[in-house]
Amino acid sequence: MGLGVSDFADILLDPVVAEKFERLPEYDKIAYQWRLSWLANAHDHQIVPAGDWWTIWLLLAGRGAGKTRTAAEQLGWWAWTEPKTRWLVSAPTSSDVQSVCFEGESGLLSVIPHQLIADYKSQKQEIYLINGSMIKGIPASEPSRFRGPQFHGGWFDELAAWDYLQEAWDMIQFGMRLGSRVRQIASTTPQPKELIKELVSRDKKDVVITRASTYANIDNLAKQFKDQILRYEGTKLGRQEIYAEVINPEEDGIIKRSWLKVWPADKPLPEFEYIIMSLDTAFTEKTLDTKGDPDPSACSVWGYFKNNKEPAILLLDCWEDHLGLPDLITRVKQELNVQYGQGDMKPVIAPLVGPKSSYLVGRKPDLLLIEDKGSGISLRQMLAREEILAYPYNPGKADKLTRLHMVSHIFAHGHVWVVESEKRPKQIKTWAEPLVSQLCSFTGEKSIKHDDLMDSATQAIRFLVDKNMLAVTVKQREPTPKKPKQYSNPYAI
């Protein structure tokens, strides 16, 4: 917690200190009065964390908790106390940068005293202070614009709402290269995006996290807003938007992680009766989707076996990569030569960019399954020229969600196994995590960033179900024998 107004008032009671304060340049007096006013009214979660060990201040807070005001106050103060420095401000869109971060009620132009501002160029989204510092706005919706400029630090508002989140973030980090210590503020109401989860995992390393709910600043909010948010109490949306909780995307997933069986790391692999290699190719070579995010080709390899006379499958390998058709053909040919063994072989199959496994024992994939559309058709035709035949999988009119529902019972009844990590007991291997995460998080179109591994898995399992190799049989209960009716003579006395 920083010094409040009462603390500074006590200090200024000292005649010597008071005299020195009066001798300060007028602009410095204005700056200190600005800072004192903020510290006097700020909540605990709005005070910059102590220490010089962190690079990123991740401010996770609910709606109306004062994220924008906090970041604007702190970035403005850094720009003032460090003359001739350059600071970046970014938000989801150009309109957000200007109307919220710069010109909003809690924005930079509202919190920085106008006497300290030399110029504001609204069209360029640039604020110049009289000490030579500059604050530059660039929208996250245009990641390429982060190439070139360099800064001492920055503020990134509503980070979880950025459309090109990872791409924009990566470009920004390359530009954070001025000064002896870069400092960044990421203020956001959290969503379970990969970058948000990564930053949370870096807590106490180079990231310091402050959390606050909407109620921390409730006294400064309109009464109608208070009444409105009470309607979301106890809901998943309320947990995220009010209490700033990073919701686990697997909570609403169709496939539950607990349904997956973990094959012990110290247990030999089973004897596989059939191995299927399932490939979901990008629609066209390195095609970009509507957000400019490349779709990868994804592959999963499954071993079919009997577990106590019950049918089961084990995930042997999975990977995804952005490959053009020639490279994809080469990769597929390599993967088809991998042999997955039994007996005394090491049970954990680590991916190579493909798995590490012996070429002396084991079983190669019996079937290559490729979706019968888009680049999958071209791939099958090219492989056929080299006498490699692939089975075409046609999902019909079923969408991704329907296909997942169609195989969910196989997971629910414990027929799907994943290899255990040698380093993390009872946890699955790291290379299998992307596939499992997609399976357990998918709830419909665009619910997750990529679903290619999930598609690869569902088409493999659907094939095995269609071929009657995988099925769920419910044991029928033995009928209770009925006791024969006892008849009596109604005329008997």
Protein backbone atom coordinates (compact mmCIF):
# COMPACT_ATOMS: atom_id res chain seq x y z
CA MET A 1 0.00 0.00 0.00
CA GLY A 2 1.38 3.42 -0.89
CA LEU A 3 1.37 6.59 1.15
CA GLY A 4 -1.99 8.28 1.55
CA VAL A 5 -2.85 11.93 1.87
CA SER A 6 -2.77 11.79 5.66
CA ASP A 7 0.77 10.38 5.56
CA PHE A 8 1.99 13.17 3.31
CA ALA A 9 0.10 15.78 5.33
CA ASP A 10 1.97 14.61 8.43
CA ILE A 11 5.27 14.83 6.57
CA LEU A 12 4.49 18.35 5.40
CA LEU A 13 3.96 19.42 9.01
CA ASP A 14 7.72 19.38 9.27
CA PRO A 15 8.71 22.99 8.46
CA VAL A 16 11.84 21.89 6.61
CA VAL A 17 9.90 19.47 4.40
CA ALA A 18 7.15 22.02 3.83
CA GLU A 19 9.70 24.61 2.77
CA LYS A 20 11.30 22.19 0.28
CA PHE A 21 7.88 21.31 -1.12
CA GLU A 22 7.11 24.99 -1.69
CA ARG A 23 10.35 25.40 -3.59
CA LEU A 24 9.43 22.67 -6.07
CA PRO A 25 8.63 23.77 -9.63
CA GLU A 26 4.94 24.40 -10.14
CA TYR A 27 4.57 21.39 -12.43
CA ASP A 28 6.07 19.07 -9.80
CA LYS A 29 3.62 20.39 -7.21
CA ILE A 30 0.75 19.67 -9.58
CA ALA A 31 2.10 16.18 -10.21
CA TYR A 32 2.45 15.37 -6.50
CA GLN A 33 -1.01 16.71 -5.74
CA TRP A 34 -2.35 14.49 -8.55
CA ARG A 35 -0.61 11.45 -7.11
CA LEU A 36 -1.68 12.22 -3.52
CA SER A 37 -5.29 12.59 -4.59
CA TRP A 38 -5.20 9.18 -6.29
CA LEU A 39 -3.50 7.40 -3.39
CA ALA A 40 -5.99 8.86 -0.97
CA ASN A 41 -8.96 7.38 -2.84
CA ALA A 42 -7.56 4.19 -4.41
CA HIS A 43 -8.57 0.78 -3.13
CA ASP A 44 -5.90 -1.73 -2.12
CA HIS A 45 -6.19 -3.57 -5.44
CA GLN A 46 -5.55 -0.32 -7.32
CA ILE A 47 -2.12 0.29 -5.81
CA VAL A 48 0.84 -0.89 -7.90
CA PRO A 49 2.48 -3.99 -6.35
CA ALA A 50 5.75 -3.48 -4.51
CA GLY A 51 9.09 -4.86 -5.68
CA ASP A 52 11.19 -4.62 -8.80
CA TRP A 53 11.19 -8.34 -9.66
CA TRP A 54 8.08 -8.33 -11.84
CA THR A 55 7.68 -7.28 -15.47
CA ILE A 56 3.92 -7.71 -15.92
CA TRP A 57 1.20 -6.58 -13.54
CA LEU A 58 -1.82 -8.74 -14.36
CA LEU A 59 -4.91 -7.01 -12.99
CA LEU A 60 -7.78 -9.50 -13.03
CA ALA A 61 -10.92 -7.71 -11.91
CA GLY A 62 -14.66 -7.82 -12.36
CA ARG A 63 -16.77 -5.34 -14.27
CA GLY A 64 -16.66 -1.88 -12.70
CA ALA A 65 -13.83 -2.75 -10.31
CA GLY A 66 -11.76 0.20 -11.53
CA LYS A 67 -9.30 -1.52 -13.87
CA THR A 68 -9.18 1.29 -16.43
CA ARG A 69 -8.71 4.04 -13.83
CA THR A 70 -5.99 2.03 -12.09
CA ALA A 71 -3.99 1.43 -15.26
CA ALA A 72 -4.40 4.99 -16.53
CA GLU A 73 -3.23 6.45 -13.22
CA GLN A 74 -0.20 4.18 -13.03
CA LEU A 75 0.91 4.47 -16.65
CA GLY A 76 0.50 8.23 -16.53
CA TRP A 77 2.62 8.42 -13.37
CA TRP A 78 5.37 6.28 -14.89
CA ALA A 79 5.41 8.52 -17.97
CA TRP A 80 5.72 11.62 -15.76
CA THR A 81 8.35 10.34 -13.33
CA GLU A 82 10.52 8.95 -16.15
CA PRO A 83 11.07 11.84 -18.59
CA LYS A 84 11.59 11.24 -22.30
CA THR A 85 10.19 7.70 -22.21
CA ARG A 86 7.80 5.97 -24.61
CA TRP A 87 4.73 4.04 -23.46
CA LEU A 88 2.29 1.87 -25.40
CA VAL A 89 -1.45 1.64 -24.83
CA SER A 90 -3.48 -1.06 -26.58
CA ALA A 91 -7.09 -2.22 -26.41
CA PRO A 92 -9.30 -4.51 -28.55
CA THR A 93 -10.08 -1.87 -31.20
CA SER A 94 -8.98 1.60 -32.25
CA SER A 95 -12.25 2.96 -30.88
CA ASP A 96 -11.53 1.35 -27.50
CA VAL A 97 -8.07 2.91 -27.38
CA GLN A 98 -9.45 6.37 -28.04
CA SER A 99 -12.85 6.36 -26.31
CA VAL A 100 -11.87 4.32 -23.25
CA CYS A 101 -8.12 4.44 -22.63
CA PHE A 102 -7.46 8.01 -23.81
CA GLU A 103 -10.68 10.03 -23.70
CA GLY A 104 -12.87 7.97 -21.36
CA GLU A 105 -14.02 9.12 -17.93
CA SER A 106 -11.27 7.03 -16.38
CA GLY A 107 -8.83 7.42 -19.27
CA LEU A 108 -5.43 9.07 -19.46
CA LEU A 109 -6.66 12.54 -20.47
CA SER A 110 -9.02 12.55 -17.51
CA VAL A 111 -6.49 11.52 -14.87
CA ILE A 112 -3.29 13.29 -16.01
CA PRO A 113 -3.47 17.00 -15.07
CA HIS A 114 -3.90 19.05 -18.23
CA GLN A 115 -1.00 21.29 -17.14
CA LEU A 116 1.35 18.32 -17.65
CA ILE A 117 0.13 17.56 -21.18
CA ALA A 118 1.98 19.32 -24.00
CA ASP A 119 -0.11 17.95 -26.86
CA TYR A 120 -2.72 15.38 -27.77
CA LYS A 121 -2.98 14.15 -31.36
CA SER A 122 -6.27 12.30 -31.46
CA GLN A 123 -5.94 10.98 -35.00
CA LYS A 124 -2.53 9.49 -34.27
CA GLN A 125 -3.61 8.50 -30.75
CA GLU A 126 -0.56 10.13 -29.15
CA ILE A 127 -0.23 12.02 -25.89
CA TYR A 128 2.88 14.14 -25.32
CA LEU A 129 3.82 15.28 -21.81
CA ILE A 130 5.81 18.41 -21.08
CA ASN A 131 8.69 16.28 -19.76
CA GLY A 132 9.26 14.74 -23.21
CA SER A 133 7.46 11.44 -22.55
CA MET A 134 5.06 10.07 -25.15
CA ILE A 135 2.10 7.69 -24.80
CA LYS A 136 1.15 5.94 -28.04
CA GLY A 137 -2.08 4.08 -28.76
CA ILE A 138 -2.15 1.09 -31.16
CA PRO A 139 -5.21 -1.17 -31.43
CA ALA A 140 -4.75 -4.90 -30.86
CA SER A 141 -6.93 -5.53 -33.92
CA GLU A 142 -3.93 -4.57 -36.10
CA PRO A 143 -1.04 -6.75 -34.84
CA SER A 144 1.29 -5.81 -37.70
CA ARG A 145 1.38 -2.23 -36.44
CA PHE A 146 3.36 -3.38 -33.39
CA ARG A 147 6.29 -4.12 -35.67
CA GLY A 148 8.89 -1.36 -35.54
CA PRO A 149 7.92 0.83 -32.55
CA GLN A 150 9.78 0.31 -29.29
CA PHE A 151 8.72 1.22 -25.77
CA HIS A 152 9.71 1.35 -22.11
CA GLY A 153 6.46 -0.31 -21.06
CA GLY A 154 2.75 -0.39 -21.73
CA TRP A 155 -0.86 -0.87 -20.70
CA PHE A 156 -3.03 -3.51 -22.36
CA ASP A 157 -6.72 -3.08 -21.63
CA GLU A 158 -9.24 -5.94 -21.71
CA LEU A 159 -6.53 -8.33 -22.84
CA ALA A 160 -8.85 -11.36 -22.85
CA ALA A 161 -11.16 -9.67 -25.38
CA TRP A 162 -8.49 -9.23 -28.08
CA ASP A 163 -9.32 -11.04 -31.33
CA TYR A 164 -5.72 -11.67 -32.36
CA LEU A 165 -4.57 -12.20 -28.81
CA GLN A 166 -1.45 -14.34 -29.17
CA GLU A 167 -0.24 -12.68 -32.36
CA ALA A 168 -0.66 -9.15 -30.97
CA TRP A 169 0.90 -10.08 -27.64
CA ASP A 170 3.95 -11.64 -29.28
CA MET A 171 4.53 -8.58 -31.48
CA ILE A 172 4.20 -6.28 -28.45
CA GLN A 173 6.78 -8.19 -26.45
CA PHE A 174 9.35 -7.75 -29.21
CA GLY A 175 8.87 -3.99 -28.89
CA MET A 176 9.30 -3.84 -25.11
CA ARG A 177 13.04 -3.21 -25.23
CA LEU A 178 13.82 0.27 -23.90
CA GLY A 179 15.20 1.25 -20.52
CA SER A 180 16.66 -0.76 -17.68
CA ARG A 181 13.33 -2.21 -16.52
CA VAL A 182 10.29 -2.81 -18.69
CA ARG A 183 6.94 -2.64 -16.90
CA GLN A 184 3.59 -3.67 -18.33
CA ILE A 185 0.03 -3.57 -17.06
CA ALA A 186 -2.49 -6.09 -18.40
CA SER A 187 -5.96 -5.19 -17.13
CA THR A 188 -8.84 -7.50 -17.98
CA THR A 189 -11.95 -9.29 -16.89
CA PRO A 190 -10.59 -12.81 -17.38
CA GLN A 191 -11.61 -15.41 -19.90
CA PRO A 192 -10.06 -18.88 -20.16
CA LYS A 193 -7.81 -17.92 -23.08
CA GLU A 194 -4.45 -19.70 -23.44
CA LEU A 195 -2.44 -16.51 -22.89
CA ILE A 196 -4.39 -15.59 -19.76
CA LYS A 197 -3.80 -19.07 -18.35
CA GLU A 198 -0.11 -18.82 -19.23
CA LEU A 199 0.27 -15.46 -17.48
CA VAL A 200 -1.51 -16.82 -14.40
CA SER A 201 0.90 -19.77 -14.36
CA ARG A 202 3.81 -17.27 -14.28
CA ASP A 203 2.60 -15.70 -11.03
CA LYS A 204 5.51 -14.82 -8.70
CA LYS A 205 8.01 -15.39 -11.52
CA ASP A 206 7.87 -12.39 -13.83
CA VAL A 207 4.15 -11.75 -13.35
CA VAL A 208 2.45 -10.27 -10.30
CA ILE A 209 -1.32 -10.78 -10.06
CA THR A 210 -3.92 -8.59 -8.39
CA ARG A 211 -7.49 -9.83 -8.14
CA ALA A 212 -10.61 -7.87 -7.31
CA SER A 213 -14.35 -8.33 -7.65
CA THR A 214 -16.92 -5.81 -8.76
CA TYR A 215 -17.92 -5.38 -5.13
CA ALA A 216 -14.51 -3.90 -4.28
CA ASN A 217 -15.61 -0.70 -6.04
CA ILE A 218 -19.38 -1.04 -5.64
CA ASP A 219 -19.82 2.26 -3.78
CA ASN A 220 -18.64 4.17 -6.86
CA LEU A 221 -21.07 2.48 -9.23
CA ALA A 222 -24.62 3.40 -10.20
CA LYS A 223 -27.42 1.90 -8.12
CA GLN A 224 -29.04 0.42 -11.22
CA PHE A 225 -25.79 -1.41 -12.00
CA LYS A 226 -25.69 -2.86 -8.47
CA ASP A 227 -29.23 -4.17 -8.85
CA GLN A 228 -28.44 -5.58 -12.29
CA ILE A 229 -25.36 -7.58 -11.34
CA LEU A 230 -27.17 -9.26 -8.45
CA ARG A 231 -29.09 -11.19 -11.09
CA TYR A 232 -25.87 -12.97 -12.06
CA GLU A 233 -24.92 -14.04 -8.56
CA GLY A 234 -24.35 -17.78 -8.39
CA THR A 235 -24.01 -18.16 -12.16
CA LYS A 236 -20.97 -19.10 -14.21
CA LEU A 237 -21.12 -15.73 -15.97
CA GLY A 238 -21.22 -14.01 -12.59
CA ARG A 239 -18.14 -15.88 -11.41
CA GLN A 240 -16.27 -14.57 -14.44
CA GLU A 241 -17.65 -11.06 -14.85
CA ILE A 242 -18.17 -10.14 -11.17
CA TYR A 243 -15.53 -12.11 -9.30
CA ALA A 244 -12.91 -12.23 -12.08
CA GLU A 245 -12.55 -15.98 -11.84
CA VAL A 246 -10.70 -17.71 -14.66
CA ILE A 247 -13.29 -20.35 -15.49
CA ASN A 248 -12.03 -23.76 -16.47
CA PRO A 249 -13.36 -24.27 -20.04
CA GLU A 250 -13.69 -27.98 -19.35
CA GLU A 251 -16.51 -27.37 -16.86
CA ASP A 252 -19.12 -27.33 -19.63
CA GLY A 253 -17.40 -29.84 -21.89
CA ILE A 254 -19.27 -32.84 -23.24
CA ILE A 255 -16.33 -35.13 -22.53
CA LYS A 256 -15.21 -35.16 -18.90
CA ARG A 257 -11.53 -35.59 -18.12
CA SER A 258 -12.42 -38.05 -15.35
CA TRP A 259 -13.82 -40.43 -17.99
CA LEU A 260 -10.37 -41.00 -19.47
CA LYS A 261 -8.44 -43.95 -18.10
CA VAL A 262 -4.74 -43.50 -17.37
CA TRP A 263 -2.47 -46.34 -18.51
CA PRO A 264 0.26 -46.77 -15.84
CA ALA A 265 3.71 -45.67 -16.97
CA ASP A 266 5.36 -48.79 -15.54
CA LYS A 267 2.92 -51.18 -17.20
CA PRO A 268 3.80 -52.74 -20.58
CA LEU A 269 1.68 -51.72 -23.51
CA PRO A 270 -1.14 -54.13 -24.35
CA GLU A 271 -1.11 -56.33 -27.42
CA PHE A 272 -2.84 -54.30 -30.07
CA GLU A 273 -5.24 -56.00 -32.45
CA TYR A 274 -5.56 -52.95 -34.67
CA ILE A 275 -3.90 -49.54 -34.97
CA ILE A 276 -5.55 -46.61 -36.72
CA MET A 277 -3.88 -43.38 -37.75
CA SER A 278 -6.42 -40.59 -38.12
CA LEU A 279 -5.61 -37.37 -39.98
CA ASP A 280 -7.57 -34.12 -40.06
CA THR A 281 -6.03 -31.89 -42.71
CA ALA A 282 -6.25 -28.11 -42.98
CA PHE A 283 -8.95 -27.19 -45.53
CA THR A 284 -6.31 -25.81 -47.87
CA GLU A 285 -2.59 -25.46 -47.47
CA LYS A 286 -2.01 -23.07 -44.60
CA THR A 287 -5.42 -21.58 -45.15
CA LEU A 288 -6.22 -18.75 -42.77
CA ASP A 289 -9.56 -18.66 -41.05
CA THR A 290 -11.65 -15.51 -40.77
CA LYS A 291 -9.48 -14.21 -37.94
CA GLY A 292 -6.24 -14.81 -39.75
CA ASP A 293 -5.24 -17.73 -37.54
CA PRO A 294 -3.79 -20.67 -39.51
CA ASP A 295 -5.55 -24.01 -39.25
CA PRO A 296 -3.08 -26.85 -38.63
CA SER A 297 -3.26 -30.40 -39.85
CA ALA A 298 -3.72 -32.77 -36.93
CA CYS A 299 -3.00 -36.46 -36.44
CA SER A 300 -3.79 -38.97 -33.72
CA VAL A 301 -2.83 -42.65 -33.52
CA TRP A 302 -4.98 -45.13 -31.59
CA GLY A 303 -4.32 -48.72 -30.62
CA TYR A 304 -7.31 -51.07 -30.31
CA PHE A 305 -7.05 -53.87 -27.74
CA LYS A 306 -9.09 -55.96 -25.33
CA ASN A 307 -9.01 -55.00 -21.68
CA ASN A 308 -10.47 -57.81 -19.57
CA LYS A 309 -12.38 -58.93 -22.66
CA GLU A 310 -13.83 -55.43 -23.07
CA PRO A 311 -12.94 -53.38 -26.19
CA ALA A 312 -10.66 -50.40 -25.51
CA ILE A 313 -8.40 -47.92 -27.30
CA LEU A 314 -5.15 -46.30 -26.22
CA LEU A 315 -3.84 -42.97 -27.52
CA LEU A 316 -0.37 -43.72 -28.89
CA ASP A 317 0.57 -40.39 -30.41
CA CYS A 318 -0.84 -37.05 -31.52
CA TRP A 319 0.53 -33.94 -33.17
CA GLU A 320 -0.54 -30.89 -35.14
CA ASP A 321 1.49 -28.76 -37.52
CA HIS A 322 1.15 -26.29 -40.38
CA LEU A 323 2.29 -28.25 -43.40
CA GLY A 324 1.88 -27.75 -47.12
CA LEU A 325 0.87 -30.78 -49.15
CA PRO A 326 4.42 -32.00 -50.05
CA ASP A 327 5.61 -31.79 -46.43
CA LEU A 328 2.42 -33.41 -45.19
CA ILE A 329 2.91 -36.36 -47.55
CA THR A 330 6.46 -36.82 -46.28
CA ARG A 331 5.29 -36.66 -42.67
CA VAL A 332 2.50 -39.18 -43.22
CA LYS A 333 4.89 -41.67 -44.86
CA GLN A 334 7.24 -41.37 -41.88
CA GLU A 335 4.44 -41.88 -39.36
CA LEU A 336 3.11 -44.95 -41.18
CA ASN A 337 6.47 -46.67 -40.59
CA VAL A 338 6.44 -46.19 -36.82
CA GLN A 339 5.89 -49.45 -34.95
CA TYR A 340 4.08 -49.49 -31.63
CA GLY A 341 5.23 -52.40 -29.55
CA GLN A 342 4.12 -54.65 -26.76
CA GLY A 343 5.75 -56.76 -24.15
CA ASP A 344 9.03 -55.46 -22.76
CA MET A 345 8.98 -52.21 -24.77
CA LYS A 346 9.00 -48.90 -22.95
CA PRO A 347 5.28 -48.17 -22.48
CA VAL A 348 5.34 -44.40 -22.85
CA ILE A 349 5.32 -43.28 -26.46
CA ALA A 350 6.94 -39.86 -26.62
CA PRO A 351 6.32 -37.88 -29.80
CA LEU A 352 9.21 -37.18 -32.01
CA VAL A 353 7.40 -34.80 -34.18
CA GLY A 354 6.14 -38.38 -34.27
CA PRO A 355 6.77 -40.90 -31.53
CA LYS A 356 10.02 -42.38 -30.31
CA SER A 357 9.64 -46.10 -30.69
CA SER A 358 11.49 -49.16 -31.82
CA TYR A 359 11.44 -50.16 -35.46
CA LEU A 360 12.31 -53.75 -34.58
CA VAL A 361 9.20 -54.88 -32.76
CA GLY A 362 5.58 -53.83 -32.52
CA ARG A 363 2.87 -53.05 -34.97
CA LYS A 364 2.57 -50.39 -37.65
CA PRO A 365 -0.72 -48.57 -38.24
CA ASP A 366 -3.18 -50.89 -40.00
CA LEU A 367 -5.29 -48.09 -41.41
CA LEU A 368 -4.78 -44.48 -42.44
CA LEU A 369 -8.02 -42.54 -42.05
CA ILE A 370 -8.37 -39.16 -43.78
CA GLU A 371 -11.43 -36.94 -43.90
CA ASP A 372 -13.04 -37.04 -47.33
CA LYS A 373 -13.12 -33.31 -48.07
CA GLY A 374 -10.91 -30.35 -48.94
CA SER A 375 -7.19 -31.04 -48.86
CA GLY A 376 -7.91 -34.53 -47.50
CA ILE A 377 -9.02 -35.58 -50.98
CA SER A 378 -5.84 -34.21 -52.56
CA LEU A 379 -3.71 -35.93 -49.94
CA ARG A 380 -5.36 -39.31 -50.53
CA GLN A 381 -4.90 -38.97 -54.28
CA MET A 382 -1.22 -38.09 -53.93
CA LEU A 383 -0.62 -40.96 -51.51
CA ALA A 384 -2.40 -43.37 -53.83
CA ARG A 385 0.14 -42.55 -56.55
CA GLU A 386 2.78 -43.91 -54.19
CA GLU A 387 0.66 -47.00 -53.50
CA ILE A 388 -0.34 -45.81 -50.03
CA LEU A 389 -4.08 -46.27 -49.68
CA ALA A 390 -6.06 -44.23 -47.18
CA TYR A 391 -9.62 -44.84 -46.05
CA PRO A 392 -11.90 -41.85 -46.75
CA TYR A 393 -13.92 -40.74 -43.75
CA ASN A 394 -17.15 -38.96 -44.61
CA PRO A 395 -18.88 -37.32 -41.64
CA GLY A 396 -22.04 -36.77 -43.64
CA LYS A 397 -24.13 -33.83 -42.49
CA ALA A 398 -23.10 -34.19 -38.85
CA ASP A 399 -21.35 -31.10 -37.50
CA LYS A 400 -18.40 -31.22 -35.09
CA LEU A 401 -20.58 -31.10 -31.97
CA THR A 402 -22.86 -33.87 -33.20
CA ARG A 403 -19.85 -36.05 -34.02
CA LEU A 404 -18.50 -35.55 -30.51
CA HIS A 405 -21.86 -36.50 -29.00
CA MET A 406 -21.93 -39.63 -31.17
CA VAL A 407 -18.77 -41.01 -29.54
CA SER A 408 -19.19 -39.54 -26.04
CA HIS A 409 -20.58 -42.79 -24.66
CA ILE A 410 -17.29 -44.55 -25.50
CA PHE A 411 -15.49 -42.10 -23.20
CA ALA A 412 -18.20 -42.16 -20.54
CA HIS A 413 -17.94 -45.95 -20.15
CA GLY A 414 -14.17 -45.91 -19.70
CA HIS A 415 -13.06 -47.40 -23.02
CA VAL A 416 -10.48 -44.68 -23.82
CA TRP A 417 -6.99 -44.78 -22.32
CA VAL A 418 -4.13 -42.27 -22.28
CA VAL A 419 -0.54 -43.01 -21.21
CA GLU A 420 0.58 -41.83 -17.76
CA SER A 421 3.43 -39.36 -17.36
CA GLU A 422 6.60 -40.78 -15.84
CA LYS A 423 7.34 -37.48 -14.08
CA ARG A 424 3.80 -36.61 -12.94
CA PRO A 425 2.09 -39.64 -11.40
CA LYS A 426 -1.58 -40.11 -12.30
CA GLN A 427 -1.31 -37.33 -14.90
CA ILE A 428 -1.27 -37.89 -18.64
CA LYS A 429 1.78 -37.36 -20.85
CA THR A 430 2.42 -33.74 -21.82
CA TRP A 431 2.21 -34.44 -25.55
CA ALA A 432 -1.32 -35.82 -25.10
CA GLU A 433 -2.59 -32.74 -23.27
CA PRO A 434 -3.56 -30.65 -26.35
CA LEU A 435 -5.82 -33.41 -27.68
CA VAL A 436 -7.42 -34.10 -24.29
CA SER A 437 -7.91 -30.39 -23.66
CA GLN A 438 -9.69 -29.95 -27.00
CA LEU A 439 -11.91 -32.96 -26.36
CA CYS A 440 -12.90 -31.78 -22.90
CA SER A 441 -13.33 -28.07 -23.74
CA PHE A 442 -15.28 -28.21 -26.99
CA THR A 443 -18.92 -27.14 -26.66
CA GLY A 444 -19.67 -25.98 -30.19
CA GLU A 445 -18.40 -24.00 -33.15
CA LYS A 446 -15.68 -21.47 -32.18
CA SER A 447 -15.83 -22.48 -28.50
CA ILE A 448 -12.08 -23.20 -28.62
CA LYS A 449 -9.28 -21.74 -30.72
CA HIS A 450 -8.51 -24.96 -32.62
CA ASP A 451 -10.40 -28.24 -32.71
CA ASP A 452 -8.34 -30.18 -35.26
CA LEU A 453 -7.02 -32.79 -32.83
CA MET A 454 -10.55 -33.32 -31.53
CA ASP A 455 -11.75 -33.91 -35.10
CA SER A 456 -8.96 -36.40 -35.64
CA ALA A 457 -9.97 -38.29 -32.49
CA THR A 458 -13.71 -38.34 -33.12
CA GLN A 459 -13.37 -39.61 -36.68
CA ALA A 460 -11.08 -42.45 -35.52
CA ILE A 461 -13.46 -43.50 -32.75
CA ARG A 462 -16.49 -43.10 -35.01
CA PHE A 463 -14.84 -45.41 -37.55
CA LEU A 464 -14.23 -48.07 -34.89
CA VAL A 465 -17.81 -47.77 -33.66
CA ASP A 466 -19.19 -48.04 -37.21
CA LYS A 467 -17.11 -51.20 -37.75
CA ASN A 468 -18.53 -52.71 -34.52
CA MET A 469 -15.10 -52.81 -32.94
CA LEU A 470 -16.06 -50.41 -30.16
CA ALA A 471 -19.38 -50.65 -28.42
CA VAL A 472 -20.96 -50.16 -25.04
CA THR A 473 -22.78 -53.20 -23.76
CA VAL A 474 -24.86 -52.89 -20.63
CA LYS A 475 -25.13 -56.06 -18.64
CA GLN A 476 -28.74 -57.06 -18.20
CA ARG A 477 -29.88 -57.80 -14.70
CA GLU A 478 -31.09 -61.33 -14.09
CA PRO A 479 -34.88 -61.29 -13.89
CA THR A 480 -36.23 -62.12 -10.45
CA PRO A 481 -38.19 -65.37 -10.67
CA LYS A 482 -41.84 -64.87 -9.84
CA LYS A 483 -43.40 -66.95 -7.15
CA PRO A 484 -46.24 -69.13 -8.44
CA LYS A 485 -49.69 -67.92 -7.45
CA GLN A 486 -51.35 -69.79 -4.62
CA TYR A 487 -54.91 -70.66 -5.42
CA SER A 488 -57.46 -71.47 -2.72
CA ASN A 489 -60.98 -72.88 -2.77
CA PRO A 490 -63.35 -69.94 -2.35
CA TYR A 491 -66.05 -72.36 -1.21
CA ALA A 492 -63.98 -73.92 1.51
CA ILE A 493 -65.10 -73.30 5.08
